Amino acid sequence: MASLTYSIHSQRYKELRTQLRTIRKAAGLTQIELALKLGIDQSYISKIELGHRFVDVLLFIDICIACGRTPDDVFSSLLLSSTSARYFKI
């Protein structure tokens, strides 16, 4: 098995950021609108999407719900389309 990378700059994390941006846009939300729903600053959403900040699992769940998606649905999409599949032979 290849070694896993946990850097904010890894391909796997880039795929997570892309997935979060995609679901936000699919929900028709701007960064400002999503931030207002979550009660956080727009710049925090921007920093997550740009790869300057990690997103923790609780915020991930809240983002998914705010965008009208279930976290397990988003995780499934991420796992099936991501570099993770190569690591874990999904």
Protein backbone atom coordinates (compact mmCIF):
# COMPACT_ATOMS: atom_id res chain seq x y z
CA MET A 1 0.00 0.00 0.00
CA ALA A 2 1.26 3.49 -0.84
CA SER A 3 1.98 5.79 2.06
CA LEU A 4 -0.80 8.20 2.95
CA THR A 5 -0.21 11.93 2.96
CA TYR A 6 -2.07 14.14 5.42
CA SER A 7 -0.83 17.47 4.15
CA ILE A 8 -3.28 20.23 3.35
CA HIS A 9 -1.60 20.25 -0.07
CA SER A 10 -2.14 16.55 -0.81
CA GLN A 11 -4.19 15.38 -3.77
CA ARG A 12 -6.73 13.80 -1.43
CA TYR A 13 -7.32 17.08 0.40
CA LYS A 14 -7.55 18.94 -2.90
CA GLU A 15 -10.32 16.53 -3.93
CA LEU A 16 -12.14 17.24 -0.66
CA ARG A 17 -11.93 20.99 -1.26
CA THR A 18 -13.19 20.55 -4.81
CA GLN A 19 -16.10 18.44 -3.57
CA LEU A 20 -17.07 21.07 -0.99
CA ARG A 21 -16.91 23.87 -3.55
CA THR A 22 -18.97 21.77 -5.99
CA ILE A 23 -21.77 21.07 -3.51
CA ARG A 24 -21.85 24.73 -2.45
CA LYS A 25 -22.22 25.88 -6.04
CA ALA A 26 -24.76 23.14 -6.82
CA ALA A 27 -26.82 24.44 -3.90
CA GLY A 28 -26.73 27.88 -5.51
CA LEU A 29 -24.87 29.39 -2.57
CA THR A 30 -22.12 31.96 -2.60
CA GLN A 31 -19.38 31.76 0.00
CA ILE A 32 -21.08 34.63 1.81
CA GLU A 33 -24.46 32.88 1.87
CA LEU A 34 -22.93 29.63 3.11
CA ALA A 35 -20.95 31.47 5.78
CA LEU A 36 -24.12 33.21 6.98
CA LYS A 37 -25.93 29.87 7.24
CA LEU A 38 -23.04 28.47 9.27
CA GLY A 39 -22.49 31.55 11.42
CA ILE A 40 -18.86 31.90 10.37
CA ASP A 41 -16.89 34.44 8.36
CA GLN A 42 -16.84 34.22 4.55
CA SER A 43 -13.05 34.35 4.60
CA TYR A 44 -13.00 31.03 6.49
CA ILE A 45 -14.97 29.36 3.67
CA SER A 46 -12.60 30.93 1.16
CA LYS A 47 -9.54 29.70 3.04
CA ILE A 48 -10.94 26.16 3.13
CA GLU A 49 -11.71 26.17 -0.59
CA LEU A 50 -8.28 27.63 -1.43
CA GLY A 51 -6.43 25.11 0.72
CA HIS A 52 -5.23 27.49 3.40
CA ARG A 53 -7.24 25.85 6.19
CA PHE A 54 -8.26 22.33 7.07
CA VAL A 55 -11.93 21.58 7.50
CA ASP A 56 -12.73 19.45 10.53
CA VAL A 57 -15.33 16.71 10.45
CA LEU A 58 -17.99 18.72 12.31
CA LEU A 59 -17.71 21.67 9.95
CA PHE A 60 -17.75 19.22 7.02
CA ILE A 61 -21.07 17.84 8.31
CA ASP A 62 -22.51 21.34 8.73
CA ILE A 63 -21.39 22.40 5.24
CA CYS A 64 -23.00 19.34 3.70
CA ILE A 65 -26.29 19.92 5.51
CA ALA A 66 -26.29 23.65 4.70
CA CYS A 67 -25.86 22.70 1.03
CA GLY A 68 -28.74 20.24 1.18
CA ARG A 69 -26.61 17.11 1.03
CA THR A 70 -26.04 14.32 3.50
CA PRO A 71 -22.48 13.91 4.76
CA ASP A 72 -22.47 10.18 3.92
CA ASP A 73 -23.50 10.94 0.34
CA VAL A 74 -20.68 13.45 -0.03
CA PHE A 75 -18.17 11.08 1.62
CA SER A 76 -19.25 8.28 -0.73
CA SER A 77 -18.78 10.49 -3.77
CA LEU A 78 -15.40 11.56 -2.49
CA LEU A 79 -14.22 8.03 -1.81
CA LEU A 80 -15.36 6.65 -5.14
CA SER A 81 -13.87 9.43 -7.23
CA SER A 82 -10.74 10.11 -5.28
CA THR A 83 -7.18 9.13 -4.84
CA SER A 84 -8.37 7.34 -1.68
CA ALA A 85 -9.76 4.56 -3.84
CA ARG A 86 -6.22 3.78 -4.98
CA TYR A 87 -4.94 3.61 -1.42
CA PHE A 88 -7.71 1.41 -0.14
CA LYS A 89 -8.61 -0.47 -3.34
CA ILE A 90 -12.25 0.60 -3.17
